[in-house]
Amino acid sequence: MTKADLVEQVTAAIARTSGPMISKKDCARVVDAFLDAVKQAMRDQHNIEVRGFGTFKIRRRKTRMARNPRTGDPVEVAARPVPVFKPSKELRALVAHEEYIPDDSDLDDDDES
């Protein structure tokens, strides 16, 4: 799915529920604003949690030794932050075509895999 497909789908969903109140151009601005907000937060090393969808996090990769594939020489790869996405239990169940049944542990289950 491309961003244009996403805009199309969001515009259609809004039209179904509220009538044709928003144009595709305005919807594209909303989608762009959302994505920009996520990028900005991650650039500032903040996690973003969207309930029922998942969490965008910044993980710190440790310094490690790798090998140059051409020469075989060891090369040190520096530590660096990397973006990761952790889907919610609800999203994982949806993708696996299973029924999601929330329990009490879902309220404070931020760091389990």
PDB file of N, CA and C in Angstrom:
ATOM      1  N   MET A   1       0.850  -1.173   0.000  1.00  0.00           N
ATOM      2  CA  MET A   1       0.000   0.000   0.000  1.00  0.00           C
ATOM      3  C   MET A   1       0.896   1.237   0.000  1.00  0.00           C
ATOM      4  N   THR A   2       0.611   2.157  -0.881  1.00  0.00           N
ATOM      5  CA  THR A   2       1.367   3.403  -0.952  1.00  0.00           C
ATOM      6  C   THR A   2       0.659   4.476  -0.129  1.00  0.00           C
ATOM      7  N   LYS A   3       1.322   5.610   0.034  1.00  0.00           N
ATOM      8  CA  LYS A   3       0.706   6.712   0.764  1.00  0.00           C
ATOM      9  C   LYS A   3      -0.546   7.193   0.040  1.00  0.00           C
ATOM     10  N   ALA A   4      -0.530   7.207  -1.282  1.00  0.00           N
ATOM     11  CA  ALA A   4      -1.706   7.609  -2.054  1.00  0.00           C
ATOM     12  C   ALA A   4      -2.874   6.648  -1.801  1.00  0.00           C
ATOM     13  N   ASP A   5      -2.581   5.345  -1.707  1.00  0.00           N
ATOM     14  CA  ASP A   5      -3.618   4.359  -1.387  1.00  0.00           C
ATOM     15  C   ASP A   5      -4.176   4.604   0.015  1.00  0.00           C
ATOM     16  N   LEU A   6      -3.301   4.919   0.939  1.00  0.00           N
ATOM     17  CA  LEU A   6      -3.719   5.211   2.308  1.00  0.00           C
ATOM     18  C   LEU A   6      -4.629   6.426   2.354  1.00  0.00           C
ATOM     19  N   VAL A   7      -4.260   7.484   1.636  1.00  0.00           N
ATOM     20  CA  VAL A   7      -5.090   8.694   1.573  1.00  0.00           C
ATOM     21  C   VAL A   7      -6.454   8.358   0.986  1.00  0.00           C
ATOM     22  N   GLU A   8      -6.464   7.574  -0.070  1.00  0.00           N
ATOM     23  CA  GLU A   8      -7.718   7.159  -0.712  1.00  0.00           C
ATOM     24  C   GLU A   8      -8.605   6.402   0.263  1.00  0.00           C
ATOM     25  N   GLN A   9      -8.013   5.471   0.998  1.00  0.00           N
ATOM     26  CA  GLN A   9      -8.777   4.655   1.936  1.00  0.00           C
ATOM     27  C   GLN A   9      -9.302   5.492   3.112  1.00  0.00           C
ATOM     28  N   VAL A  10      -8.495   6.395   3.638  1.00  0.00           N
ATOM     29  CA  VAL A  10      -8.934   7.248   4.746  1.00  0.00           C
ATOM     30  C   VAL A  10     -10.043   8.188   4.282  1.00  0.00           C
ATOM     31  N   THR A  11      -9.895   8.767   3.107  1.00  0.00           N
ATOM     32  CA  THR A  11     -10.929   9.651   2.565  1.00  0.00           C
ATOM     33  C   THR A  11     -12.252   8.888   2.406  1.00  0.00           C
ATOM     34  N   ALA A  12     -12.186   7.667   1.908  1.00  0.00           N
ATOM     35  CA  ALA A  12     -13.391   6.852   1.729  1.00  0.00           C
ATOM     36  C   ALA A  12     -14.033   6.513   3.071  1.00  0.00           C
ATOM     37  N   ALA A  13     -13.201   6.210   4.081  1.00  0.00           N
ATOM     38  CA  ALA A  13     -13.731   5.878   5.403  1.00  0.00           C
ATOM     39  C   ALA A  13     -14.432   7.085   6.026  1.00  0.00           C
ATOM     40  N   ILE A  14     -13.859   8.261   5.877  1.00  0.00           N
ATOM     41  CA  ILE A  14     -14.483   9.472   6.409  1.00  0.00           C
ATOM     42  C   ILE A  14     -15.786   9.754   5.671  1.00  0.00           C
ATOM     43  N   ALA A  15     -15.794   9.565   4.355  1.00  0.00           N
ATOM     44  CA  ALA A  15     -17.001   9.802   3.559  1.00  0.00           C
ATOM     45  C   ALA A  15     -18.129   8.850   3.963  1.00  0.00           C
ATOM     46  N   ARG A  16     -17.778   7.587   4.293  1.00  0.00           N
ATOM     47  CA  ARG A  16     -18.790   6.615   4.711  1.00  0.00           C
ATOM     48  C   ARG A  16     -19.422   6.988   6.045  1.00  0.00           C
ATOM     49  N   THR A  17     -18.612   7.489   6.975  1.00  0.00           N
ATOM     50  CA  THR A  17     -19.111   7.743   8.325  1.00  0.00           C
ATOM     51  C   THR A  17     -19.665   9.147   8.511  1.00  0.00           C
ATOM     52  N   SER A  18     -19.083  10.135   7.844  1.00  0.00           N
ATOM     53  CA  SER A  18     -19.482  11.524   8.079  1.00  0.00           C
ATOM     54  C   SER A  18     -19.969  12.245   6.842  1.00  0.00           C
ATOM     55  N   GLY A  19     -19.980  11.598   5.733  1.00  0.00           N
ATOM     56  CA  GLY A  19     -20.340  12.266   4.491  1.00  0.00           C
ATOM     57  C   GLY A  19     -19.098  12.861   3.850  1.00  0.00           C
ATOM     58  N   PRO A  20     -19.237  13.387   2.634  1.00  0.00           N
ATOM     59  CA  PRO A  20     -18.066  13.917   1.909  1.00  0.00           C
ATOM     60  C   PRO A  20     -17.614  15.270   2.476  1.00  0.00           C
ATOM     61  N   MET A  21     -17.078  15.246   3.692  1.00  0.00           N
ATOM     62  CA  MET A  21     -16.686  16.484   4.370  1.00  0.00           C
ATOM     63  C   MET A  21     -15.247  16.894   4.090  1.00  0.00           C
ATOM     64  N   ILE A  22     -14.430  15.962   3.638  1.00  0.00           N
ATOM     65  CA  ILE A  22     -13.003  16.250   3.483  1.00  0.00           C
ATOM     66  C   ILE A  22     -12.567  15.844   2.076  1.00  0.00           C
ATOM     67  N   SER A  23     -11.775  16.698   1.471  1.00  0.00           N
ATOM     68  CA  SER A  23     -11.268  16.382   0.134  1.00  0.00           C
ATOM     69  C   SER A  23     -10.031  15.494   0.255  1.00  0.00           C
ATOM     70  N   LYS A  24      -9.663  14.855  -0.844  1.00  0.00           N
ATOM     71  CA  LYS A  24      -8.452  14.035  -0.847  1.00  0.00           C
ATOM     72  C   LYS A  24      -7.223  14.882  -0.538  1.00  0.00           C
ATOM     73  N   LYS A  25      -7.235  16.113  -1.017  1.00  0.00           N
ATOM     74  CA  LYS A  25      -6.105  17.010  -0.788  1.00  0.00           C
ATOM     75  C   LYS A  25      -5.946  17.305   0.717  1.00  0.00           C
ATOM     76  N   ASP A  26      -7.082  17.580   1.382  1.00  0.00           N
ATOM     77  CA  ASP A  26      -7.029  17.831   2.824  1.00  0.00           C
ATOM     78  C   ASP A  26      -6.655  16.564   3.596  1.00  0.00           C
ATOM     79  N   CYS A  27      -7.171  15.440   3.159  1.00  0.00           N
ATOM     80  CA  CYS A  27      -6.844  14.173   3.801  1.00  0.00           C
ATOM     81  C   CYS A  27      -5.349  13.871   3.639  1.00  0.00           C
ATOM     82  N   ALA A  28      -4.798  14.163   2.479  1.00  0.00           N
ATOM     83  CA  ALA A  28      -3.365  13.970   2.254  1.00  0.00           C
ATOM     84  C   ALA A  28      -2.556  14.841   3.200  1.00  0.00           C
ATOM     85  N   ARG A  29      -3.035  16.046   3.470  1.00  0.00           N
ATOM     86  CA  ARG A  29      -2.346  16.920   4.430  1.00  0.00           C
ATOM     87  C   ARG A  29      -2.367  16.324   5.834  1.00  0.00           C
ATOM     88  N   VAL A  30      -3.500  15.727   6.207  1.00  0.00           N
ATOM     89  CA  VAL A  30      -3.615  15.102   7.528  1.00  0.00           C
ATOM     90  C   VAL A  30      -2.665  13.911   7.637  1.00  0.00           C
ATOM     91  N   VAL A  31      -2.644  13.063   6.612  1.00  0.00           N
ATOM     92  CA  VAL A  31      -1.752  11.904   6.613  1.00  0.00           C
ATOM     93  C   VAL A  31      -0.292  12.364   6.672  1.00  0.00           C
ATOM     94  N   ASP A  32       0.059  13.369   5.872  1.00  0.00           N
ATOM     95  CA  ASP A  32       1.423  13.906   5.899  1.00  0.00           C
ATOM     96  C   ASP A  32       1.772  14.484   7.269  1.00  0.00           C
ATOM     97  N   ALA A  33       0.827  15.197   7.880  1.00  0.00           N
ATOM     98  CA  ALA A  33       1.068  15.787   9.196  1.00  0.00           C
ATOM     99  C   ALA A  33       1.292  14.703  10.243  1.00  0.00           C
ATOM    100  N   PHE A  34       0.502  13.626  10.167  1.00  0.00           N
ATOM    101  CA  PHE A  34       0.672  12.512  11.099  1.00  0.00           C
ATOM    102  C   PHE A  34       2.049  11.877  10.934  1.00  0.00           C
ATOM    103  N   LEU A  35       2.424  11.581   9.703  1.00  0.00           N
ATOM    104  CA  LEU A  35       3.725  10.960   9.453  1.00  0.00           C
ATOM    105  C   LEU A  35       4.873  11.883   9.860  1.00  0.00           C
ATOM    106  N   ASP A  36       4.722  13.184   9.608  1.00  0.00           N
ATOM    107  CA  ASP A  36       5.752  14.142  10.028  1.00  0.00           C
ATOM    108  C   ASP A  36       5.877  14.186  11.543  1.00  0.00           C
ATOM    109  N   ALA A  37       4.741  14.101  12.255  1.00  0.00           N
ATOM    110  CA  ALA A  37       4.768  14.104  13.718  1.00  0.00           C
ATOM    111  C   ALA A  37       5.480  12.864  14.247  1.00  0.00           C
ATOM    112  N   VAL A  38       5.236  11.715  13.616  1.00  0.00           N
ATOM    113  CA  VAL A  38       5.917  10.483  14.015  1.00  0.00           C
ATOM    114  C   VAL A  38       7.420  10.610  13.768  1.00  0.00           C
ATOM    115  N   LYS A  39       7.797  11.114  12.594  1.00  0.00           N
ATOM    116  CA  LYS A  39       9.223  11.280  12.272  1.00  0.00           C
ATOM    117  C   LYS A  39       9.909  12.240  13.236  1.00  0.00           C
ATOM    118  N   GLN A  40       9.245  13.348  13.542  1.00  0.00           N
ATOM    119  CA  GLN A  40       9.808  14.343  14.455  1.00  0.00           C
ATOM    120  C   GLN A  40      10.007  13.754  15.860  1.00  0.00           C
ATOM    121  N   ALA A  41       9.009  13.044  16.338  1.00  0.00           N
ATOM    122  CA  ALA A  41       9.108  12.435  17.668  1.00  0.00           C
ATOM    123  C   ALA A  41      10.246  11.420  17.716  1.00  0.00           C
ATOM    124  N   MET A  42      10.374  10.623  16.675  1.00  0.00           N
ATOM    125  CA  MET A  42      11.451   9.625  16.656  1.00  0.00           C
ATOM    126  C   MET A  42      12.817  10.291  16.525  1.00  0.00           C
ATOM    127  N   ARG A  43      12.887  11.372  15.758  1.00  0.00           N
ATOM    128  CA  ARG A  43      14.143  12.106  15.645  1.00  0.00           C
ATOM    129  C   ARG A  43      14.567  12.657  17.011  1.00  0.00           C
ATOM    130  N   ASP A  44      13.553  13.040  17.821  1.00  0.00           N
ATOM    131  CA  ASP A  44      13.819  13.561  19.161  1.00  0.00           C
ATOM    132  C   ASP A  44      13.941  12.448  20.197  1.00  0.00           C
ATOM    133  N   GLN A  45      14.050  11.183  19.728  1.00  0.00           N
ATOM    134  CA  GLN A  45      14.254  10.015  20.581  1.00  0.00           C
ATOM    135  C   GLN A  45      13.066   9.723  21.496  1.00  0.00           C
ATOM    136  N   HIS A  46      11.828  10.024  21.039  1.00  0.00           N
ATOM    137  CA  HIS A  46      10.619   9.728  21.798  1.00  0.00           C
ATOM    138  C   HIS A  46       9.938   8.501  21.206  1.00  0.00           C
ATOM    139  N   ASN A  47       9.279   7.719  22.068  1.00  0.00           N
ATOM    140  CA  ASN A  47       8.467   6.600  21.612  1.00  0.00           C
ATOM    141  C   ASN A  47       7.063   7.110  21.313  1.00  0.00           C
ATOM    142  N   ILE A  48       6.389   6.486  20.364  1.00  0.00           N
ATOM    143  CA  ILE A  48       5.028   6.846  20.007  1.00  0.00           C
ATOM    144  C   ILE A  48       4.166   5.604  20.191  1.00  0.00           C
ATOM    145  N   GLU A  49       3.153   5.701  21.045  1.00  0.00           N
ATOM    146  CA  GLU A  49       2.263   4.578  21.288  1.00  0.00           C
ATOM    147  C   GLU A  49       0.883   4.895  20.737  1.00  0.00           C
ATOM    148  N   VAL A  50       0.395   4.029  19.852  1.00  0.00           N
ATOM    149  CA  VAL A  50      -0.943   4.157  19.303  1.00  0.00           C
ATOM    150  C   VAL A  50      -1.712   2.933  19.785  1.00  0.00           C
ATOM    151  N   ARG A  51      -2.596   3.125  20.749  1.00  0.00           N
ATOM    152  CA  ARG A  51      -3.347   2.017  21.352  1.00  0.00           C
ATOM    153  C   ARG A  51      -4.091   1.221  20.282  1.00  0.00           C
ATOM    154  N   GLY A  52      -3.993  -0.102  20.386  1.00  0.00           N
ATOM    155  CA  GLY A  52      -4.662  -0.968  19.442  1.00  0.00           C
ATOM    156  C   GLY A  52      -3.911  -1.151  18.134  1.00  0.00           C
ATOM    157  N   PHE A  53      -2.815  -0.423  17.949  1.00  0.00           N
ATOM    158  CA  PHE A  53      -2.026  -0.525  16.720  1.00  0.00           C
ATOM    159  C   PHE A  53      -0.612  -0.983  17.027  1.00  0.00           C
ATOM    160  N   GLY A  54       0.105  -0.205  17.846  1.00  0.00           N
ATOM    161  CA  GLY A  54       1.460  -0.590  18.194  1.00  0.00           C
ATOM    162  C   GLY A  54       2.268   0.591  18.687  1.00  0.00           C
ATOM    163  N   THR A  55       3.564   0.348  18.869  1.00  0.00           N
ATOM    164  CA  THR A  55       4.471   1.356  19.401  1.00  0.00           C
ATOM    165  C   THR A  55       5.673   1.500  18.480  1.00  0.00           C
ATOM    166  N   PHE A  56       5.986   2.731  18.143  1.00  0.00           N
ATOM    167  CA  PHE A  56       7.209   3.050  17.422  1.00  0.00           C
ATOM    168  C   PHE A  56       8.245   3.411  18.485  1.00  0.00           C
ATOM    169  N   LYS A  57       9.378   2.721  18.470  1.00  0.00           N
ATOM    170  CA  LYS A  57      10.400   2.936  19.495  1.00  0.00           C
ATOM    171  C   LYS A  57      11.753   3.196  18.846  1.00  0.00           C
ATOM    172  N   ILE A  58      12.643   3.731  19.643  1.00  0.00           N
ATOM    173  CA  ILE A  58      14.042   3.876  19.257  1.00  0.00           C
ATOM    174  C   ILE A  58      14.837   2.885  20.095  1.00  0.00           C
ATOM    175  N   ARG A  59      15.557   1.995  19.438  1.00  0.00           N
ATOM    176  CA  ARG A  59      16.430   1.058  20.135  1.00  0.00           C
ATOM    177  C   ARG A  59      17.865   1.456  19.857  1.00  0.00           C
ATOM    178  N   ARG A  60      18.708   1.211  20.800  1.00  0.00           N
ATOM    179  CA  ARG A  60      20.129   1.531  20.666  1.00  0.00           C
ATOM    180  C   ARG A  60      20.871   0.247  20.328  1.00  0.00           C
ATOM    181  N   ARG A  61      21.440   0.162  19.146  1.00  0.00           N
ATOM    182  CA  ARG A  61      22.262  -0.995  18.778  1.00  0.00           C
ATOM    183  C   ARG A  61      23.658  -0.813  19.367  1.00  0.00           C
ATOM    184  N   LYS A  62      24.192  -1.889  19.889  1.00  0.00           N
ATOM    185  CA  LYS A  62      25.522  -1.846  20.497  1.00  0.00           C
ATOM    186  C   LYS A  62      26.600  -1.872  19.414  1.00  0.00           C
ATOM    187  N   THR A  63      27.778  -1.444  19.783  1.00  0.00           N
ATOM    188  CA  THR A  63      28.937  -1.573  18.903  1.00  0.00           C
ATOM    189  C   THR A  63      29.209  -3.062  18.709  1.00  0.00           C
ATOM    190  N   ARG A  64      29.533  -3.445  17.469  1.00  0.00           N
ATOM    191  CA  ARG A  64      29.788  -4.853  17.194  1.00  0.00           C
ATOM    192  C   ARG A  64      30.881  -4.989  16.148  1.00  0.00           C
ATOM    193  N   MET A  65      31.411  -6.174  16.089  1.00  0.00           N
ATOM    194  CA  MET A  65      32.402  -6.481  15.074  1.00  0.00           C
ATOM    195  C   MET A  65      31.715  -7.185  13.908  1.00  0.00           C
ATOM    196  N   ALA A  66      32.037  -6.736  12.695  1.00  0.00           N
ATOM    197  CA  ALA A  66      31.511  -7.353  11.473  1.00  0.00           C
ATOM    198  C   ALA A  66      32.697  -7.653  10.567  1.00  0.00           C
ATOM    199  N   ARG A  67      32.419  -8.200   9.415  1.00  0.00           N
ATOM    200  CA  ARG A  67      33.496  -8.505   8.460  1.00  0.00           C
ATOM    201  C   ARG A  67      33.219  -7.818   7.140  1.00  0.00           C
ATOM    202  N   ASN A  68      34.266  -7.293   6.545  1.00  0.00           N
ATOM    203  CA  ASN A  68      34.175  -6.738   5.201  1.00  0.00           C
ATOM    204  C   ASN A  68      33.986  -7.930   4.256  1.00  0.00           C
ATOM    205  N   PRO A  69      32.885  -7.993   3.515  1.00  0.00           N
ATOM    206  CA  PRO A  69      32.643  -9.169   2.672  1.00  0.00           C
ATOM    207  C   PRO A  69      33.659  -9.341   1.546  1.00  0.00           C
ATOM    208  N   ARG A  70      34.270  -8.255   1.118  1.00  0.00           N
ATOM    209  CA  ARG A  70      35.227  -8.337   0.016  1.00  0.00           C
ATOM    210  C   ARG A  70      36.584  -8.869   0.488  1.00  0.00           C
ATOM    211  N   THR A  71      37.055  -8.358   1.630  1.00  0.00           N
ATOM    212  CA  THR A  71      38.399  -8.727   2.094  1.00  0.00           C
ATOM    213  C   THR A  71      38.388  -9.708   3.257  1.00  0.00           C
ATOM    214  N   GLY A  72      37.269  -9.791   3.981  1.00  0.00           N
ATOM    215  CA  GLY A  72      37.205 -10.666   5.148  1.00  0.00           C
ATOM    216  C   GLY A  72      37.786 -10.039   6.396  1.00  0.00           C
ATOM    217  N   ASP A  73      38.283  -8.791   6.282  1.00  0.00           N
ATOM    218  CA  ASP A  73      38.864  -8.120   7.440  1.00  0.00           C
ATOM    219  C   ASP A  73      37.774  -7.739   8.442  1.00  0.00           C
ATOM    220  N   PRO A  74      38.077  -7.830   9.743  1.00  0.00           N
ATOM    221  CA  PRO A  74      37.106  -7.391  10.751  1.00  0.00           C
ATOM    222  C   PRO A  74      36.940  -5.865  10.718  1.00  0.00           C
ATOM    223  N   VAL A  75      35.702  -5.423  10.889  1.00  0.00           N
ATOM    224  CA  VAL A  75      35.384  -3.999  10.882  1.00  0.00           C
ATOM    225  C   VAL A  75      34.482  -3.728  12.083  1.00  0.00           C
ATOM    226  N   GLU A  76      34.771  -2.651  12.805  1.00  0.00           N
ATOM    227  CA  GLU A  76      33.919  -2.291  13.931  1.00  0.00           C
ATOM    228  C   GLU A  76      32.746  -1.440  13.435  1.00  0.00           C
ATOM    229  N   VAL A  77      31.526  -1.856  13.782  1.00  0.00           N
ATOM    230  CA  VAL A  77      30.326  -1.107  13.440  1.00  0.00           C
ATOM    231  C   VAL A  77      29.921  -0.337  14.685  1.00  0.00           C
ATOM    232  N   ALA A  78      29.814   0.975  14.561  1.00  0.00           N
ATOM    233  CA  ALA A  78      29.547   1.836  15.707  1.00  0.00           C
ATOM    234  C   ALA A  78      28.132   1.639  16.253  1.00  0.00           C
ATOM    235  N   ALA A  79      27.952   1.962  17.520  1.00  0.00           N
ATOM    236  CA  ALA A  79      26.624   1.947  18.135  1.00  0.00           C
ATOM    237  C   ALA A  79      25.780   3.029  17.485  1.00  0.00           C
ATOM    238  N   ARG A  80      24.476   2.743  17.361  1.00  0.00           N
ATOM    239  CA  ARG A  80      23.606   3.738  16.735  1.00  0.00           C
ATOM    240  C   ARG A  80      22.154   3.465  17.118  1.00  0.00           C
ATOM    241  N   PRO A  81      21.333   4.498  17.093  1.00  0.00           N
ATOM    242  CA  PRO A  81      19.905   4.286  17.342  1.00  0.00           C
ATOM    243  C   PRO A  81      19.213   3.813  16.072  1.00  0.00           C
ATOM    244  N   VAL A  82      18.251   2.910  16.214  1.00  0.00           N
ATOM    245  CA  VAL A  82      17.486   2.425  15.074  1.00  0.00           C
ATOM    246  C   VAL A  82      15.995   2.460  15.422  1.00  0.00           C
ATOM    247  N   PRO A  83      15.150   2.805  14.454  1.00  0.00           N
ATOM    248  CA  PRO A  83      13.705   2.786  14.715  1.00  0.00           C
ATOM    249  C   PRO A  83      13.168   1.354  14.630  1.00  0.00           C
ATOM    250  N   VAL A  84      12.259   1.023  15.526  1.00  0.00           N
ATOM    251  CA  VAL A  84      11.604  -0.285  15.494  1.00  0.00           C
ATOM    252  C   VAL A  84      10.111  -0.083  15.708  1.00  0.00           C
ATOM    253  N   PHE A  85       9.317  -1.033  15.230  1.00  0.00           N
ATOM    254  CA  PHE A  85       7.879  -1.003  15.443  1.00  0.00           C
ATOM    255  C   PHE A  85       7.475  -2.277  16.148  1.00  0.00           C
ATOM    256  N   LYS A  86       6.760  -2.133  17.255  1.00  0.00           N
ATOM    257  CA  LYS A  86       6.251  -3.288  17.988  1.00  0.00           C
ATOM    258  C   LYS A  86       4.738  -3.280  17.875  1.00  0.00           C
ATOM    259  N   PRO A  87       4.156  -4.241  17.138  1.00  0.00           N
ATOM    260  CA  PRO A  87       2.702  -4.266  16.982  1.00  0.00           C
ATOM    261  C   PRO A  87       2.012  -4.630  18.291  1.00  0.00           C
ATOM    262  N   SER A  88       0.799  -4.129  18.468  1.00  0.00           N
ATOM    263  CA  SER A  88       0.013  -4.462  19.657  1.00  0.00           C
ATOM    264  C   SER A  88      -0.485  -5.899  19.546  1.00  0.00           C
ATOM    265  N   LYS A  89      -0.936  -6.435  20.667  1.00  0.00           N
ATOM    266  CA  LYS A  89      -1.505  -7.788  20.654  1.00  0.00           C
ATOM    267  C   LYS A  89      -2.714  -7.834  19.717  1.00  0.00           C
ATOM    268  N   GLU A  90      -3.480  -6.757  19.716  1.00  0.00           N
ATOM    269  CA  GLU A  90      -4.674  -6.693  18.875  1.00  0.00           C
ATOM    270  C   GLU A  90      -4.297  -6.764  17.392  1.00  0.00           C
ATOM    271  N   LEU A  91      -3.266  -6.037  16.975  1.00  0.00           N
ATOM    272  CA  LEU A  91      -2.831  -6.049  15.583  1.00  0.00           C
ATOM    273  C   LEU A  91      -2.246  -7.407  15.210  1.00  0.00           C
ATOM    274  N   ARG A  92      -1.461  -7.996  16.113  1.00  0.00           N
ATOM    275  CA  ARG A  92      -0.902  -9.322  15.839  1.00  0.00           C
ATOM    276  C   ARG A  92      -2.004 -10.356  15.640  1.00  0.00           C
ATOM    277  N   ALA A  93      -3.045 -10.286  16.471  1.00  0.00           N
ATOM    278  CA  ALA A  93      -4.164 -11.217  16.339  1.00  0.00           C
ATOM    279  C   ALA A  93      -4.904 -10.988  15.026  1.00  0.00           C
ATOM    280  N   LEU A  94      -5.072  -9.728  14.638  1.00  0.00           N
ATOM    281  CA  LEU A  94      -5.755  -9.404  13.387  1.00  0.00           C
ATOM    282  C   LEU A  94      -5.001  -9.961  12.188  1.00  0.00           C
ATOM    283  N   VAL A  95      -3.693  -9.811  12.184  1.00  0.00           N
ATOM    284  CA  VAL A  95      -2.864 -10.299  11.082  1.00  0.00           C
ATOM    285  C   VAL A  95      -2.878 -11.826  11.031  1.00  0.00           C
ATOM    286  N   ALA A  96      -2.928 -12.459  12.197  1.00  0.00           N
ATOM    287  CA  ALA A  96      -2.934 -13.919  12.260  1.00  0.00           C
ATOM    288  C   ALA A  96      -4.336 -14.495  12.085  1.00  0.00           C
ATOM    289  N   HIS A  97      -5.330 -13.630  11.843  1.00  0.00           N
ATOM    290  CA  HIS A  97      -6.729 -14.051  11.664  1.00  0.00           C
ATOM    291  C   HIS A  97      -7.256 -14.774  12.896  1.00  0.00           C
ATOM    292  N   GLU A  98      -6.869 -14.276  14.077  1.00  0.00           N
ATOM    293  CA  GLU A  98      -7.345 -14.840  15.331  1.00  0.00           C
ATOM    294  C   GLU A  98      -8.226 -13.817  16.020  1.00  0.00           C
ATOM    295  N   GLU A  99      -9.079 -14.298  16.907  1.00  0.00           N
ATOM    296  CA  GLU A  99      -9.916 -13.378  17.664  1.00  0.00           C
ATOM    297  C   GLU A  99      -9.089 -12.796  18.806  1.00  0.00           C
ATOM    298  N   TYR A 100      -9.153 -11.480  18.969  1.00  0.00           N
ATOM    299  CA  TYR A 100      -8.423 -10.816  20.038  1.00  0.00           C
ATOM    300  C   TYR A 100      -9.328 -10.700  21.251  1.00  0.00           C
ATOM    301  N   ILE A 101      -8.883 -11.231  22.378  1.00  0.00           N
ATOM    302  CA  ILE A 101      -9.637 -11.129  23.628  1.00  0.00           C
ATOM    303  C   ILE A 101      -8.763 -10.377  24.619  1.00  0.00           C
ATOM    304  N   PRO A 102      -9.094  -9.100  24.913  1.00  0.00           N
ATOM    305  CA  PRO A 102      -8.265  -8.322  25.833  1.00  0.00           C
ATOM    306  C   PRO A 102      -8.341  -8.887  27.245  1.00  0.00           C
ATOM    307  N   ASP A 103      -7.234  -8.753  27.963  1.00  0.00           N
ATOM    308  CA  ASP A 103      -7.220  -9.129  29.368  1.00  0.00           C
ATOM    309  C   ASP A 103      -6.611  -8.001  30.175  1.00  0.00           C
ATOM    310  N   ASP A 104      -6.554  -8.169  31.479  1.00  0.00           N
ATOM    311  CA  ASP A 104      -6.064  -7.109  32.366  1.00  0.00           C
ATOM    312  C   ASP A 104      -4.600  -6.772  32.135  1.00  0.00           C
ATOM    313  N   SER A 105      -3.802  -7.728  31.644  1.00  0.00           N
ATOM    314  CA  SER A 105      -2.376  -7.468  31.450  1.00  0.00           C
ATOM    315  C   SER A 105      -2.115  -6.541  30.262  1.00  0.00           C
ATOM    316  N   ASP A 106      -3.114  -6.331  29.388  1.00  0.00           N
ATOM    317  CA  ASP A 106      -2.938  -5.453  28.233  1.00  0.00           C
ATOM    318  C   ASP A 106      -2.777  -3.995  28.639  1.00  0.00           C
ATOM    319  N   LEU A 107      -3.239  -3.630  29.817  1.00  0.00           N
ATOM    320  CA  LEU A 107      -3.174  -2.242  30.250  1.00  0.00           C
ATOM    321  C   LEU A 107      -1.764  -1.791  30.577  1.00  0.00           C
ATOM    322  N   ASP A 108      -0.916  -2.699  31.066  1.00  0.00           N
ATOM    323  CA  ASP A 108       0.451  -2.306  31.425  1.00  0.00           C
ATOM    324  C   ASP A 108       1.468  -3.230  30.778  1.00  0.00           C
ATOM    325  N   ASP A 109       1.264  -3.594  29.524  1.00  0.00           N
ATOM    326  CA  ASP A 109       2.068  -4.572  28.815  1.00  0.00           C
ATOM    327  C   ASP A 109       2.947  -3.921  27.751  1.00  0.00           C
ATOM    328  N   ASP A 110       3.657  -2.848  28.101  1.00  0.00           N
ATOM    329  CA  ASP A 110       4.391  -2.074  27.093  1.00  0.00           C
ATOM    330  C   ASP A 110       5.671  -2.734  26.616  1.00  0.00           C
ATOM    331  N   ASP A 111       6.365  -3.538  27.432  1.00  0.00           N
ATOM    332  CA  ASP A 111       7.687  -3.984  27.049  1.00  0.00           C
ATOM    333  C   ASP A 111       7.785  -5.474  26.769  1.00  0.00           C
ATOM    334  N   GLU A 112       6.672  -6.207  26.751  1.00  0.00           N
ATOM    335  CA  GLU A 112       6.747  -7.621  26.403  1.00  0.00           C
ATOM    336  C   GLU A 112       6.708  -7.805  24.900  1.00  0.00           C
ATOM    337  N   SER A 113       7.239  -8.912  24.423  1.00  0.00           N
ATOM    338  CA  SER A 113       7.206  -9.212  22.992  1.00  0.00           C
ATOM    339  C   SER A 113       6.156 -10.214  22.658  1.00  0.00           C
TER     340      SER A 113
END
